Amino acid sequence: MRRIGRNTPECAANPGSLEGDPDLIEFDSTQCYKTSMIAPEDATRVFKTRWFFKAAKKALIKDGELCGAMAEVMKGQTDDLGGGVFKKSLNRNKHRSIVLARGRRYWFYVYLFAKNDRE
């Protein structure tokens, strides 16, 4: 398991990521978690599927970029497709990701595609 926190280079470049509280984000091949220091029931959890993990690795998308992109999704700086489905640009606008939300607390990276393949 790989952890990204305040003192790692990925989140140091993006100190205000994930609603301004980059205390701890744990990345695994299937999921990443964000815990909050406020209360466990207020914690935002972000997951990525195994398929998305492999596609992001192949596209050379770093975890730090996913942190920043998720912060922008939570702020509303993305295309809202309705029903808790969002489309977000990644990798300097070369790729798109599909993000699912459940109750603004659980977020899921589920699909990644190149911009020139599909739109």
Protein backbone atom coordinates (compact mmCIF):
# COMPACT_ATOMS: atom_id res chain seq x y z
CA MET A 1 0.00 0.00 0.00
CA ARG A 2 1.25 3.45 -0.85
CA ARG A 3 0.46 6.43 1.32
CA ILE A 4 0.34 10.02 0.26
CA GLY A 5 0.25 12.61 3.00
CA ARG A 6 1.40 16.10 3.84
CA ASN A 7 5.11 15.38 3.53
CA THR A 8 5.15 13.41 0.28
CA PRO A 9 6.09 15.04 -3.03
CA GLU A 10 2.76 14.19 -4.70
CA CYS A 11 0.64 16.20 -2.27
CA ALA A 12 3.31 18.81 -1.48
CA ALA A 13 2.73 20.21 -4.96
CA ASN A 14 -0.99 20.36 -4.23
CA PRO A 15 -1.31 21.38 -0.56
CA GLY A 16 -5.00 22.30 -0.71
CA SER A 17 -6.20 19.12 -2.33
CA LEU A 18 -9.27 17.22 -1.20
CA GLU A 19 -11.24 19.95 0.52
CA GLY A 20 -8.19 21.56 2.11
CA ASP A 21 -7.35 18.64 4.38
CA PRO A 22 -4.58 16.45 2.90
CA ASP A 23 -4.00 14.59 6.17
CA LEU A 24 -3.82 11.09 4.78
CA ILE A 25 -4.66 9.47 1.49
CA GLU A 26 -3.90 5.79 1.04
CA PHE A 27 -3.64 4.42 -2.48
CA ASP A 28 -3.97 0.75 -3.26
CA SER A 29 -4.40 -1.09 -6.52
CA THR A 30 -8.16 -1.00 -6.07
CA GLN A 31 -8.86 1.97 -3.84
CA CYS A 32 -7.68 5.11 -2.15
CA TYR A 33 -9.00 6.49 1.11
CA LYS A 34 -9.07 9.93 2.61
CA THR A 35 -9.52 10.25 6.33
CA SER A 36 -10.42 13.43 8.11
CA MET A 37 -9.24 14.62 11.49
CA ILE A 38 -12.71 15.98 12.29
CA ALA A 39 -14.77 12.83 12.77
CA PRO A 40 -14.89 9.45 11.02
CA GLU A 41 -18.46 9.99 9.85
CA ASP A 42 -17.42 13.25 8.09
CA ALA A 43 -14.51 11.67 6.22
CA THR A 44 -14.52 11.74 2.42
CA ARG A 45 -13.52 8.45 0.83
CA VAL A 46 -12.18 8.20 -2.70
CA PHE A 47 -11.82 4.89 -4.50
CA LYS A 48 -10.39 3.79 -7.83
CA THR A 49 -11.19 0.52 -9.49
CA ARG A 50 -8.52 -1.97 -10.41
CA TRP A 51 -9.20 -1.34 -14.10
CA PHE A 52 -8.81 2.42 -13.60
CA PHE A 53 -5.58 1.89 -11.65
CA LYS A 54 -4.09 -0.10 -14.54
CA ALA A 55 -5.28 2.39 -17.17
CA ALA A 56 -3.92 5.36 -15.19
CA LYS A 57 -0.59 3.61 -14.73
CA LYS A 58 -0.38 2.92 -18.46
CA ALA A 59 -1.24 6.57 -19.21
CA LEU A 60 1.46 7.70 -16.71
CA ILE A 61 -1.03 9.56 -14.52
CA LYS A 62 0.44 10.07 -11.05
CA ASP A 63 -1.47 9.82 -7.77
CA GLY A 64 -0.77 13.50 -7.06
CA GLU A 65 -2.65 14.47 -10.21
CA LEU A 66 -5.58 12.32 -9.13
CA CYS A 67 -5.59 14.13 -5.76
CA GLY A 68 -5.76 17.51 -7.47
CA ALA A 69 -8.40 16.37 -9.94
CA MET A 70 -10.60 15.02 -7.15
CA ALA A 71 -10.31 18.33 -5.29
CA GLU A 72 -11.54 20.10 -8.43
CA VAL A 73 -14.41 17.63 -8.81
CA MET A 74 -15.47 18.28 -5.21
CA LYS A 75 -15.39 22.04 -5.86
CA GLY A 76 -17.60 21.60 -8.92
CA GLN A 77 -14.92 22.44 -11.51
CA THR A 78 -15.88 19.60 -13.83
CA ASP A 79 -18.57 18.47 -16.26
CA ASP A 80 -21.59 17.26 -14.30
CA LEU A 81 -23.34 14.59 -16.35
CA GLY A 82 -26.15 14.22 -13.80
CA GLY A 83 -27.04 11.55 -11.27
CA GLY A 84 -23.71 11.75 -9.46
CA VAL A 85 -21.67 11.15 -12.63
CA PHE A 86 -18.83 13.54 -13.49
CA LYS A 87 -16.36 13.81 -16.36
CA LYS A 88 -12.92 15.21 -15.46
CA SER A 89 -9.88 16.04 -17.60
CA LEU A 90 -6.56 14.47 -16.61
CA ASN A 91 -2.98 14.35 -17.84
CA ARG A 92 -2.81 17.90 -19.23
CA ASN A 93 -6.14 17.51 -20.99
CA LYS A 94 -5.02 14.35 -22.87
CA HIS A 95 -7.32 11.96 -21.00
CA ARG A 96 -10.81 12.01 -19.51
CA SER A 97 -12.01 10.16 -16.45
CA ILE A 98 -15.49 9.24 -15.31
CA VAL A 99 -16.06 9.80 -11.60
CA LEU A 100 -19.09 8.58 -9.68
CA ALA A 101 -20.27 10.19 -6.46
CA ARG A 102 -22.50 8.83 -3.76
CA GLY A 103 -23.80 11.42 -1.36
CA ARG A 104 -20.76 13.76 -1.74
CA ARG A 105 -18.94 11.44 0.66
CA TYR A 106 -17.94 8.49 -1.50
CA TRP A 107 -16.19 9.11 -4.83
CA PHE A 108 -15.18 6.47 -7.39
CA TYR A 109 -12.77 6.76 -10.32
CA VAL A 110 -14.27 4.17 -12.68
CA TYR A 111 -13.26 4.84 -16.29
CA LEU A 112 -10.38 6.47 -18.16
CA PHE A 113 -10.10 7.16 -21.87
CA ALA A 114 -7.93 9.20 -24.21
CA LYS A 115 -9.48 12.41 -25.45
CA ASN A 116 -8.88 11.52 -29.09
CA ASP A 117 -10.56 8.08 -28.70
CA ARG A 118 -13.94 9.12 -27.28
CA GLU A 119 -15.70 12.26 -26.26
